[in-house]
Amino acid sequence: MGYINPLLRLDAVQQLLELPAEQRGAIAALLRELRVDADRQAENAWKKRKGPMAAYWRAVATYARHTAHALHRGVPHLRVIEGGKRPDLAKTPSATPTRQKSQPRAQA
């Protein structure tokens, strides 16, 4: 992902990141299954023209994917640091955009 996952700012996710790698892997696998199921529910709801339910299930799928990805990577630069404080995400090197905006073309 080319952006900072907003779920990483939540204290509960920080606690998940402190779990041993084996436990994080098991939770990530379950979240990936949840994503597949939620995507299927979203598609079914969309076909039935149930827009609000499709949006709900799509959001569930997105949160599951983001959380699974965070658990898989471990994201060490966002973990709680000594003293119980997290670093300011805006100041971390990974917070800089990975893509540069295109420059306007010079007019001829």
PDB file of N, CA and C in Angstrom:
ATOM      1  N   MET A   1       0.845  -1.167   0.000  1.00  0.00           N
ATOM      2  CA  MET A   1       0.000   0.000   0.000  1.00  0.00           C
ATOM      3  C   MET A   1       0.895   1.236   0.000  1.00  0.00           C
ATOM      4  N   GLY A   2       0.492   2.233  -0.756  1.00  0.00           N
ATOM      5  CA  GLY A   2       1.282   3.436  -0.874  1.00  0.00           C
ATOM      6  C   GLY A   2       0.826   4.549   0.044  1.00  0.00           C
ATOM      7  N   TYR A   3       0.198   4.223   1.141  1.00  0.00           N
ATOM      8  CA  TYR A   3      -0.303   5.238   2.050  1.00  0.00           C
ATOM      9  C   TYR A   3      -0.262   4.669   3.469  1.00  0.00           C
ATOM     10  N   ILE A   4      -0.427   5.537   4.448  1.00  0.00           N
ATOM     11  CA  ILE A   4      -0.472   5.068   5.831  1.00  0.00           C
ATOM     12  C   ILE A   4      -1.883   4.585   6.126  1.00  0.00           C
ATOM     13  N   ASN A   5      -1.971   3.368   6.544  1.00  0.00           N
ATOM     14  CA  ASN A   5      -3.247   2.737   6.861  1.00  0.00           C
ATOM     15  C   ASN A   5      -3.860   3.452   8.066  1.00  0.00           C
ATOM     16  N   PRO A   6      -5.030   4.093   7.930  1.00  0.00           N
ATOM     17  CA  PRO A   6      -5.616   4.837   9.046  1.00  0.00           C
ATOM     18  C   PRO A   6      -5.969   3.960  10.248  1.00  0.00           C
ATOM     19  N   LEU A   7      -6.178   2.673  10.036  1.00  0.00           N
ATOM     20  CA  LEU A   7      -6.474   1.788  11.165  1.00  0.00           C
ATOM     21  C   LEU A   7      -5.293   1.678  12.119  1.00  0.00           C
ATOM     22  N   LEU A   8      -4.082   1.935  11.622  1.00  0.00           N
ATOM     23  CA  LEU A   8      -2.898   1.818  12.468  1.00  0.00           C
ATOM     24  C   LEU A   8      -2.864   2.854  13.583  1.00  0.00           C
ATOM     25  N   ARG A   9      -3.682   3.862  13.471  1.00  0.00           N
ATOM     26  CA  ARG A   9      -3.733   4.890  14.521  1.00  0.00           C
ATOM     27  C   ARG A   9      -4.582   4.465  15.712  1.00  0.00           C
ATOM     28  N   LEU A  10      -5.321   3.377  15.583  1.00  0.00           N
ATOM     29  CA  LEU A  10      -6.195   2.918  16.661  1.00  0.00           C
ATOM     30  C   LEU A  10      -5.412   2.111  17.691  1.00  0.00           C
ATOM     31  N   ASP A  11      -5.710   2.364  18.953  1.00  0.00           N
ATOM     32  CA  ASP A  11      -5.018   1.657  20.036  1.00  0.00           C
ATOM     33  C   ASP A  11      -5.216   0.144  19.959  1.00  0.00           C
ATOM     34  N   ALA A  12      -6.414  -0.293  19.574  1.00  0.00           N
ATOM     35  CA  ALA A  12      -6.687  -1.734  19.496  1.00  0.00           C
ATOM     36  C   ALA A  12      -5.791  -2.399  18.455  1.00  0.00           C
ATOM     37  N   VAL A  13      -5.549  -1.721  17.337  1.00  0.00           N
ATOM     38  CA  VAL A  13      -4.673  -2.289  16.312  1.00  0.00           C
ATOM     39  C   VAL A  13      -3.241  -2.321  16.818  1.00  0.00           C
ATOM     40  N   GLN A  14      -2.847  -1.316  17.560  1.00  0.00           N
ATOM     41  CA  GLN A  14      -1.506  -1.318  18.144  1.00  0.00           C
ATOM     42  C   GLN A  14      -1.327  -2.531  19.061  1.00  0.00           C
ATOM     43  N   GLN A  15      -2.369  -2.859  19.813  1.00  0.00           N
ATOM     44  CA  GLN A  15      -2.304  -4.040  20.685  1.00  0.00           C
ATOM     45  C   GLN A  15      -2.186  -5.311  19.855  1.00  0.00           C
ATOM     46  N   LEU A  16      -2.895  -5.375  18.732  1.00  0.00           N
ATOM     47  CA  LEU A  16      -2.775  -6.535  17.849  1.00  0.00           C
ATOM     48  C   LEU A  16      -1.355  -6.677  17.310  1.00  0.00           C
ATOM     49  N   LEU A  17      -0.712  -5.568  17.009  1.00  0.00           N
ATOM     50  CA  LEU A  17       0.650  -5.604  16.467  1.00  0.00           C
ATOM     51  C   LEU A  17       1.661  -6.113  17.485  1.00  0.00           C
ATOM     52  N   GLU A  18       1.311  -6.049  18.763  1.00  0.00           N
ATOM     53  CA  GLU A  18       2.211  -6.521  19.804  1.00  0.00           C
ATOM     54  C   GLU A  18       2.119  -8.037  20.011  1.00  0.00           C
ATOM     55  N   LEU A  19       1.149  -8.687  19.375  1.00  0.00           N
ATOM     56  CA  LEU A  19       1.015 -10.137  19.490  1.00  0.00           C
ATOM     57  C   LEU A  19       2.172 -10.828  18.773  1.00  0.00           C
ATOM     58  N   PRO A  20       2.482 -12.068  19.184  1.00  0.00           N
ATOM     59  CA  PRO A  20       3.511 -12.829  18.471  1.00  0.00           C
ATOM     60  C   PRO A  20       3.125 -13.033  17.003  1.00  0.00           C
ATOM     61  N   ALA A  21       4.123 -13.181  16.148  1.00  0.00           N
ATOM     62  CA  ALA A  21       3.901 -13.297  14.707  1.00  0.00           C
ATOM     63  C   ALA A  21       2.952 -14.441  14.358  1.00  0.00           C
ATOM     64  N   GLU A  22       3.038 -15.552  15.059  1.00  0.00           N
ATOM     65  CA  GLU A  22       2.171 -16.699  14.769  1.00  0.00           C
ATOM     66  C   GLU A  22       0.696 -16.352  15.008  1.00  0.00           C
ATOM     67  N   GLN A  23       0.421 -15.659  16.100  1.00  0.00           N
ATOM     68  CA  GLN A  23      -0.958 -15.268  16.398  1.00  0.00           C
ATOM     69  C   GLN A  23      -1.452 -14.218  15.411  1.00  0.00           C
ATOM     70  N   ARG A  24      -0.586 -13.259  15.064  1.00  0.00           N
ATOM     71  CA  ARG A  24      -0.977 -12.249  14.076  1.00  0.00           C
ATOM     72  C   ARG A  24      -1.291 -12.903  12.741  1.00  0.00           C
ATOM     73  N   GLY A  25      -0.511 -13.918  12.373  1.00  0.00           N
ATOM     74  CA  GLY A  25      -0.743 -14.621  11.110  1.00  0.00           C
ATOM     75  C   GLY A  25      -2.089 -15.318  11.083  1.00  0.00           C
ATOM     76  N   ALA A  26      -2.457 -15.954  12.208  1.00  0.00           N
ATOM     77  CA  ALA A  26      -3.753 -16.640  12.280  1.00  0.00           C
ATOM     78  C   ALA A  26      -4.902 -15.640  12.176  1.00  0.00           C
ATOM     79  N   ILE A  27      -4.782 -14.528  12.856  1.00  0.00           N
ATOM     80  CA  ILE A  27      -5.833 -13.502  12.805  1.00  0.00           C
ATOM     81  C   ILE A  27      -5.913 -12.915  11.393  1.00  0.00           C
ATOM     82  N   ALA A  28      -4.752 -12.670  10.773  1.00  0.00           N
ATOM     83  CA  ALA A  28      -4.729 -12.121   9.414  1.00  0.00           C
ATOM     84  C   ALA A  28      -5.408 -13.078   8.433  1.00  0.00           C
ATOM     85  N   ALA A  29      -5.183 -14.380   8.594  1.00  0.00           N
ATOM     86  CA  ALA A  29      -5.816 -15.366   7.710  1.00  0.00           C
ATOM     87  C   ALA A  29      -7.338 -15.327   7.857  1.00  0.00           C
ATOM     88  N   LEU A  30      -7.818 -15.218   9.087  1.00  0.00           N
ATOM     89  CA  LEU A  30      -9.260 -15.119   9.311  1.00  0.00           C
ATOM     90  C   LEU A  30      -9.834 -13.842   8.703  1.00  0.00           C
ATOM     91  N   LEU A  31      -9.092 -12.752   8.823  1.00  0.00           N
ATOM     92  CA  LEU A  31      -9.552 -11.483   8.257  1.00  0.00           C
ATOM     93  C   LEU A  31      -9.604 -11.540   6.735  1.00  0.00           C
ATOM     94  N   ARG A  32      -8.678 -12.264   6.122  1.00  0.00           N
ATOM     95  CA  ARG A  32      -8.727 -12.412   4.665  1.00  0.00           C
ATOM     96  C   ARG A  32      -9.962 -13.211   4.242  1.00  0.00           C
ATOM     97  N   GLU A  33     -10.307 -14.242   5.012  1.00  0.00           N
ATOM     98  CA  GLU A  33     -11.531 -14.997   4.740  1.00  0.00           C
ATOM     99  C   GLU A  33     -12.759 -14.101   4.913  1.00  0.00           C
ATOM    100  N   LEU A  34     -12.737 -13.270   5.955  1.00  0.00           N
ATOM    101  CA  LEU A  34     -13.828 -12.323   6.177  1.00  0.00           C
ATOM    102  C   LEU A  34     -13.961 -11.386   4.983  1.00  0.00           C
ATOM    103  N   ARG A  35     -12.830 -10.946   4.449  1.00  0.00           N
ATOM    104  CA  ARG A  35     -12.857 -10.048   3.297  1.00  0.00           C
ATOM    105  C   ARG A  35     -13.553 -10.708   2.112  1.00  0.00           C
ATOM    106  N   VAL A  36     -13.194 -11.960   1.832  1.00  0.00           N
ATOM    107  CA  VAL A  36     -13.809 -12.674   0.708  1.00  0.00           C
ATOM    108  C   VAL A  36     -15.316 -12.796   0.915  1.00  0.00           C
ATOM    109  N   ASP A  37     -15.721 -13.196   2.116  1.00  0.00           N
ATOM    110  CA  ASP A  37     -17.154 -13.332   2.410  1.00  0.00           C
ATOM    111  C   ASP A  37     -17.878 -11.994   2.294  1.00  0.00           C
ATOM    112  N   ALA A  38     -17.266 -10.937   2.827  1.00  0.00           N
ATOM    113  CA  ALA A  38     -17.893  -9.617   2.785  1.00  0.00           C
ATOM    114  C   ALA A  38     -17.995  -9.101   1.350  1.00  0.00           C
ATOM    115  N   ASP A  39     -16.964  -9.349   0.523  1.00  0.00           N
ATOM    116  CA  ASP A  39     -17.034  -8.955  -0.886  1.00  0.00           C
ATOM    117  C   ASP A  39     -18.183  -9.672  -1.585  1.00  0.00           C
ATOM    118  N   ARG A  40     -18.368 -10.945  -1.281  1.00  0.00           N
ATOM    119  CA  ARG A  40     -19.458 -11.721  -1.878  1.00  0.00           C
ATOM    120  C   ARG A  40     -20.811 -11.136  -1.455  1.00  0.00           C
ATOM    121  N   GLN A  41     -20.935 -10.792  -0.182  1.00  0.00           N
ATOM    122  CA  GLN A  41     -22.175 -10.187   0.313  1.00  0.00           C
ATOM    123  C   GLN A  41     -22.440  -8.842  -0.371  1.00  0.00           C
ATOM    124  N   ALA A  42     -21.383  -8.069  -0.565  1.00  0.00           N
ATOM    125  CA  ALA A  42     -21.526  -6.761  -1.223  1.00  0.00           C
ATOM    126  C   ALA A  42     -22.016  -6.933  -2.656  1.00  0.00           C
ATOM    127  N   GLU A  43     -21.452  -7.890  -3.374  1.00  0.00           N
ATOM    128  CA  GLU A  43     -21.872  -8.132  -4.757  1.00  0.00           C
ATOM    129  C   GLU A  43     -23.326  -8.580  -4.821  1.00  0.00           C
ATOM    130  N   ASN A  44     -23.710  -9.468  -3.911  1.00  0.00           N
ATOM    131  CA  ASN A  44     -25.106  -9.932  -3.881  1.00  0.00           C
ATOM    132  C   ASN A  44     -26.056  -8.785  -3.570  1.00  0.00           C
ATOM    133  N   ALA A  45     -25.694  -7.953  -2.603  1.00  0.00           N
ATOM    134  CA  ALA A  45     -26.542  -6.816  -2.253  1.00  0.00           C
ATOM    135  C   ALA A  45     -26.651  -5.845  -3.433  1.00  0.00           C
ATOM    136  N   TRP A  46     -25.538  -5.627  -4.150  1.00  0.00           N
ATOM    137  CA  TRP A  46     -25.561  -4.708  -5.283  1.00  0.00           C
ATOM    138  C   TRP A  46     -26.473  -5.231  -6.389  1.00  0.00           C
ATOM    139  N   LYS A  47     -26.408  -6.541  -6.628  1.00  0.00           N
ATOM    140  CA  LYS A  47     -27.263  -7.141  -7.660  1.00  0.00           C
ATOM    141  C   LYS A  47     -28.742  -7.012  -7.304  1.00  0.00           C
ATOM    142  N   LYS A  48     -29.038  -6.995  -6.006  1.00  0.00           N
ATOM    143  CA  LYS A  48     -30.426  -6.849  -5.556  1.00  0.00           C
ATOM    144  C   LYS A  48     -30.821  -5.384  -5.398  1.00  0.00           C
ATOM    145  N   ARG A  49     -29.922  -4.486  -5.812  1.00  0.00           N
ATOM    146  CA  ARG A  49     -30.146  -3.043  -5.713  1.00  0.00           C
ATOM    147  C   ARG A  49     -30.326  -2.568  -4.266  1.00  0.00           C
ATOM    148  N   LYS A  50     -29.571  -3.180  -3.391  1.00  0.00           N
ATOM    149  CA  LYS A  50     -29.567  -2.802  -1.968  1.00  0.00           C
ATOM    150  C   LYS A  50     -28.278  -2.026  -1.703  1.00  0.00           C
ATOM    151  N   GLY A  51     -28.246  -0.793  -2.199  1.00  0.00           N
ATOM    152  CA  GLY A  51     -27.038   0.028  -2.119  1.00  0.00           C
ATOM    153  C   GLY A  51     -26.449   0.193  -0.729  1.00  0.00           C
ATOM    154  N   PRO A  52     -27.264   0.547   0.286  1.00  0.00           N
ATOM    155  CA  PRO A  52     -26.697   0.722   1.627  1.00  0.00           C
ATOM    156  C   PRO A  52     -26.046  -0.557   2.172  1.00  0.00           C
ATOM    157  N   MET A  53     -26.656  -1.713   1.905  1.00  0.00           N
ATOM    158  CA  MET A  53     -26.061  -2.967   2.383  1.00  0.00           C
ATOM    159  C   MET A  53     -24.790  -3.297   1.599  1.00  0.00           C
ATOM    160  N   ALA A  54     -24.782  -2.981   0.311  1.00  0.00           N
ATOM    161  CA  ALA A  54     -23.580  -3.203  -0.493  1.00  0.00           C
ATOM    162  C   ALA A  54     -22.437  -2.338   0.043  1.00  0.00           C
ATOM    163  N   ALA A  55     -22.739  -1.089   0.370  1.00  0.00           N
ATOM    164  CA  ALA A  55     -21.711  -0.199   0.920  1.00  0.00           C
ATOM    165  C   ALA A  55     -21.208  -0.711   2.269  1.00  0.00           C
ATOM    166  N   TYR A  56     -22.127  -1.189   3.093  1.00  0.00           N
ATOM    167  CA  TYR A  56     -21.744  -1.734   4.397  1.00  0.00           C
ATOM    168  C   TYR A  56     -20.771  -2.897   4.224  1.00  0.00           C
ATOM    169  N   TRP A  57     -21.133  -3.862   3.383  1.00  0.00           N
ATOM    170  CA  TRP A  57     -20.285  -5.044   3.203  1.00  0.00           C
ATOM    171  C   TRP A  57     -18.965  -4.682   2.539  1.00  0.00           C
ATOM    172  N   ARG A  58     -18.982  -3.700   1.654  1.00  0.00           N
ATOM    173  CA  ARG A  58     -17.726  -3.278   1.031  1.00  0.00           C
ATOM    174  C   ARG A  58     -16.807  -2.650   2.076  1.00  0.00           C
ATOM    175  N   ALA A  59     -17.385  -1.897   3.001  1.00  0.00           N
ATOM    176  CA  ALA A  59     -16.584  -1.313   4.083  1.00  0.00           C
ATOM    177  C   ALA A  59     -16.011  -2.406   4.983  1.00  0.00           C
ATOM    178  N   VAL A  60     -16.817  -3.412   5.300  1.00  0.00           N
ATOM    179  CA  VAL A  60     -16.329  -4.538   6.111  1.00  0.00           C
ATOM    180  C   VAL A  60     -15.138  -5.185   5.412  1.00  0.00           C
ATOM    181  N   ALA A  61     -15.257  -5.421   4.111  1.00  0.00           N
ATOM    182  CA  ALA A  61     -14.177  -6.037   3.347  1.00  0.00           C
ATOM    183  C   ALA A  61     -12.917  -5.179   3.370  1.00  0.00           C
ATOM    184  N   THR A  62     -13.099  -3.882   3.248  1.00  0.00           N
ATOM    185  CA  THR A  62     -11.947  -2.972   3.245  1.00  0.00           C
ATOM    186  C   THR A  62     -11.244  -2.965   4.591  1.00  0.00           C
ATOM    187  N   TYR A  63     -11.998  -2.853   5.675  1.00  0.00           N
ATOM    188  CA  TYR A  63     -11.387  -2.861   7.009  1.00  0.00           C
ATOM    189  C   TYR A  63     -10.682  -4.191   7.279  1.00  0.00           C
ATOM    190  N   ALA A  64     -11.284  -5.287   6.850  1.00  0.00           N
ATOM    191  CA  ALA A  64     -10.662  -6.594   7.048  1.00  0.00           C
ATOM    192  C   ALA A  64      -9.346  -6.673   6.282  1.00  0.00           C
ATOM    193  N   ARG A  65      -9.351  -6.193   5.038  1.00  0.00           N
ATOM    194  CA  ARG A  65      -8.125  -6.221   4.231  1.00  0.00           C
ATOM    195  C   ARG A  65      -7.038  -5.348   4.840  1.00  0.00           C
ATOM    196  N   HIS A  66      -7.392  -4.150   5.243  1.00  0.00           N
ATOM    197  CA  HIS A  66      -6.399  -3.233   5.821  1.00  0.00           C
ATOM    198  C   HIS A  66      -5.802  -3.803   7.107  1.00  0.00           C
ATOM    199  N   THR A  67      -6.653  -4.376   7.942  1.00  0.00           N
ATOM    200  CA  THR A  67      -6.162  -4.934   9.201  1.00  0.00           C
ATOM    201  C   THR A  67      -5.289  -6.152   8.941  1.00  0.00           C
ATOM    202  N   ALA A  68      -5.704  -7.027   8.037  1.00  0.00           N
ATOM    203  CA  ALA A  68      -4.903  -8.206   7.706  1.00  0.00           C
ATOM    204  C   ALA A  68      -3.547  -7.789   7.155  1.00  0.00           C
ATOM    205  N   HIS A  69      -3.534  -6.777   6.307  1.00  0.00           N
ATOM    206  CA  HIS A  69      -2.275  -6.303   5.734  1.00  0.00           C
ATOM    207  C   HIS A  69      -1.351  -5.762   6.830  1.00  0.00           C
ATOM    208  N   ALA A  70      -1.904  -5.001   7.754  1.00  0.00           N
ATOM    209  CA  ALA A  70      -1.101  -4.461   8.850  1.00  0.00           C
ATOM    210  C   ALA A  70      -0.533  -5.583   9.716  1.00  0.00           C
ATOM    211  N   LEU A  71      -1.337  -6.585   9.993  1.00  0.00           N
ATOM    212  CA  LEU A  71      -0.878  -7.703  10.815  1.00  0.00           C
ATOM    213  C   LEU A  71       0.195  -8.510  10.099  1.00  0.00           C
ATOM    214  N   HIS A  72       0.074  -8.639   8.808  1.00  0.00           N
ATOM    215  CA  HIS A  72       1.051  -9.404   8.033  1.00  0.00           C
ATOM    216  C   HIS A  72       2.399  -8.689   8.003  1.00  0.00           C
ATOM    217  N   ARG A  73       2.370  -7.389   7.790  1.00  0.00           N
ATOM    218  CA  ARG A  73       3.615  -6.617   7.685  1.00  0.00           C
ATOM    219  C   ARG A  73       4.227  -6.324   9.039  1.00  0.00           C
ATOM    220  N   GLY A  74       3.424  -6.209  10.078  1.00  0.00           N
ATOM    221  CA  GLY A  74       3.944  -5.898  11.397  1.00  0.00           C
ATOM    222  C   GLY A  74       4.115  -4.417  11.649  1.00  0.00           C
ATOM    223  N   VAL A  75       4.392  -3.641  10.651  1.00  0.00           N
ATOM    224  CA  VAL A  75       4.529  -2.186  10.703  1.00  0.00           C
ATOM    225  C   VAL A  75       5.287  -1.726  11.945  1.00  0.00           C
ATOM    226  N   PRO A  76       6.579  -2.043  12.062  1.00  0.00           N
ATOM    227  CA  PRO A  76       7.328  -1.706  13.269  1.00  0.00           C
ATOM    228  C   PRO A  76       7.471  -0.220  13.539  1.00  0.00           C
ATOM    229  N   HIS A  77       7.470   0.636  12.511  1.00  0.00           N
ATOM    230  CA  HIS A  77       7.684   2.067  12.740  1.00  0.00           C
ATOM    231  C   HIS A  77       6.475   2.756  13.355  1.00  0.00           C
ATOM    232  N   LEU A  78       5.339   2.061  13.491  1.00  0.00           N
ATOM    233  CA  LEU A  78       4.163   2.682  14.082  1.00  0.00           C
ATOM    234  C   LEU A  78       3.806   2.088  15.438  1.00  0.00           C
ATOM    235  N   ARG A  79       4.622   1.205  15.952  1.00  0.00           N
ATOM    236  CA  ARG A  79       4.320   0.600  17.237  1.00  0.00           C
ATOM    237  C   ARG A  79       4.521   1.606  18.364  1.00  0.00           C
ATOM    238  N   VAL A  80       3.932   1.301  19.500  1.00  0.00           N
ATOM    239  CA  VAL A  80       4.060   2.175  20.662  1.00  0.00           C
ATOM    240  C   VAL A  80       5.527   2.205  21.076  1.00  0.00           C
ATOM    241  N   ILE A  81       6.047   3.412  21.287  1.00  0.00           N
ATOM    242  CA  ILE A  81       7.432   3.539  21.696  1.00  0.00           C
ATOM    243  C   ILE A  81       7.504   3.700  23.202  1.00  0.00           C
ATOM    244  N   GLU A  82       8.712   3.673  23.737  1.00  0.00           N
ATOM    245  CA  GLU A  82       8.915   3.751  25.178  1.00  0.00           C
ATOM    246  C   GLU A  82       8.209   4.971  25.756  1.00  0.00           C
ATOM    247  N   GLY A  83       7.569   4.813  26.887  1.00  0.00           N
ATOM    248  CA  GLY A  83       6.828   5.893  27.516  1.00  0.00           C
ATOM    249  C   GLY A  83       5.369   5.896  27.105  1.00  0.00           C
ATOM    250  N   GLY A  84       4.954   4.937  26.274  1.00  0.00           N
ATOM    251  CA  GLY A  84       3.554   4.818  25.900  1.00  0.00           C
ATOM    252  C   GLY A  84       3.091   5.786  24.829  1.00  0.00           C
ATOM    253  N   LYS A  85       4.022   6.473  24.164  1.00  0.00           N
ATOM    254  CA  LYS A  85       3.630   7.426  23.140  1.00  0.00           C
ATOM    255  C   LYS A  85       3.988   6.869  21.763  1.00  0.00           C
ATOM    256  N   ARG A  86       3.126   7.151  20.820  1.00  0.00           N
ATOM    257  CA  ARG A  86       3.405   6.763  19.447  1.00  0.00           C
ATOM    258  C   ARG A  86       4.040   7.936  18.729  1.00  0.00           C
ATOM    259  N   PRO A  87       4.887   7.659  17.753  1.00  0.00           N
ATOM    260  CA  PRO A  87       5.468   8.768  16.993  1.00  0.00           C
ATOM    261  C   PRO A  87       4.384   9.474  16.185  1.00  0.00           C
ATOM    262  N   ASP A  88       4.636  10.736  15.904  1.00  0.00           N
ATOM    263  CA  ASP A  88       3.710  11.499  15.071  1.00  0.00           C
ATOM    264  C   ASP A  88       3.778  10.937  13.660  1.00  0.00           C
ATOM    265  N   LEU A  89       2.665  10.419  13.156  1.00  0.00           N
ATOM    266  CA  LEU A  89       2.663   9.760  11.855  1.00  0.00           C
ATOM    267  C   LEU A  89       3.045  10.714  10.735  1.00  0.00           C
ATOM    268  N   ALA A  90       2.733  11.980  10.902  1.00  0.00           N
ATOM    269  CA  ALA A  90       3.048  12.936   9.846  1.00  0.00           C
ATOM    270  C   ALA A  90       4.546  13.155   9.720  1.00  0.00           C
ATOM    271  N   LYS A  91       5.320  12.845  10.753  1.00  0.00           N
ATOM    272  CA  LYS A  91       6.758  13.083  10.742  1.00  0.00           C
ATOM    273  C   LYS A  91       7.561  11.836  10.401  1.00  0.00           C
ATOM    274  N   THR A  92       6.913  10.679  10.271  1.00  0.00           N
ATOM    275  CA  THR A  92       7.648   9.464   9.951  1.00  0.00           C
ATOM    276  C   THR A  92       8.015   9.472   8.477  1.00  0.00           C
ATOM    277  N   PRO A  93       9.152   8.869   8.117  1.00  0.00           N
ATOM    278  CA  PRO A  93       9.569   8.867   6.719  1.00  0.00           C
ATOM    279  C   PRO A  93       8.546   8.225   5.798  1.00  0.00           C
ATOM    280  N   SER A  94       7.817   7.234   6.269  1.00  0.00           N
ATOM    281  CA  SER A  94       6.856   6.556   5.410  1.00  0.00           C
ATOM    282  C   SER A  94       5.620   7.405   5.159  1.00  0.00           C
ATOM    283  N   ALA A  95       5.479   8.516   5.861  1.00  0.00           N
ATOM    284  CA  ALA A  95       4.305   9.365   5.678  1.00  0.00           C
ATOM    285  C   ALA A  95       4.426  10.244   4.441  1.00  0.00           C
ATOM    286  N   THR A  96       5.615  10.290   3.860  1.00  0.00           N
ATOM    287  CA  THR A  96       5.763  11.093   2.662  1.00  0.00           C
ATOM    288  C   THR A  96       5.141  10.356   1.490  1.00  0.00           C
ATOM    289  N   PRO A  97       4.558  11.081   0.560  1.00  0.00           N
ATOM    290  CA  PRO A  97       3.897  10.412  -0.562  1.00  0.00           C
ATOM    291  C   PRO A  97       4.894   9.591  -1.371  1.00  0.00           C
ATOM    292  N   THR A  98       4.450   8.439  -1.835  1.00  0.00           N
ATOM    293  CA  THR A  98       5.323   7.592  -2.637  1.00  0.00           C
ATOM    294  C   THR A  98       5.304   8.002  -4.091  1.00  0.00           C
ATOM    295  N   ARG A  99       4.289   8.714  -4.504  1.00  0.00           N
ATOM    296  CA  ARG A  99       4.187   9.167  -5.884  1.00  0.00           C
ATOM    297  C   ARG A  99       4.266  10.685  -5.917  1.00  0.00           C
ATOM    298  N   GLN A 100       4.981  11.175  -6.873  1.00  0.00           N
ATOM    299  CA  GLN A 100       5.075  12.612  -7.038  1.00  0.00           C
ATOM    300  C   GLN A 100       3.937  13.075  -7.928  1.00  0.00           C
ATOM    301  N   LYS A 101       3.359  14.220  -7.590  1.00  0.00           N
ATOM    302  CA  LYS A 101       2.323  14.794  -8.442  1.00  0.00           C
ATOM    303  C   LYS A 101       2.977  15.270  -9.728  1.00  0.00           C
ATOM    304  N   SER A 102       2.282  15.092 -10.807  1.00  0.00           N
ATOM    305  CA  SER A 102       2.848  15.519 -12.083  1.00  0.00           C
ATOM    306  C   SER A 102       2.902  17.046 -12.127  1.00  0.00           C
ATOM    307  N   GLN A 103       3.959  17.522 -12.726  1.00  0.00           N
ATOM    308  CA  GLN A 103       4.161  18.969 -12.857  1.00  0.00           C
ATOM    309  C   GLN A 103       3.340  19.464 -14.047  1.00  0.00           C
ATOM    310  N   PRO A 104       2.787  20.672 -13.935  1.00  0.00           N
ATOM    311  CA  PRO A 104       2.047  21.214 -15.081  1.00  0.00           C
ATOM    312  C   PRO A 104       2.999  21.400 -16.269  1.00  0.00           C
ATOM    313  N   ARG A 105       2.479  21.134 -17.442  1.00  0.00           N
ATOM    314  CA  ARG A 105       3.311  21.277 -18.652  1.00  0.00           C
ATOM    315  C   ARG A 105       3.491  22.744 -18.983  1.00  0.00           C
ATOM    316  N   ALA A 106       4.680  23.023 -19.431  1.00  0.00           N
ATOM    317  CA  ALA A 106       4.956  24.400 -19.861  1.00  0.00           C
ATOM    318  C   ALA A 106       4.216  24.660 -21.167  1.00  0.00           C
ATOM    319  N   GLN A 107       3.605  25.823 -21.249  1.00  0.00           N
ATOM    320  CA  GLN A 107       2.864  26.154 -22.458  1.00  0.00           C
ATOM    321  C   GLN A 107       3.821  26.641 -23.526  1.00  0.00           C
ATOM    322  N   ALA A 108       3.624  26.170 -24.738  1.00  0.00           N
ATOM    323  CA  ALA A 108       4.531  26.533 -25.844  1.00  0.00           C
ATOM    324  C   ALA A 108       4.042  27.763 -26.563  1.00  0.00           C
TER     325      ALA A 108
END
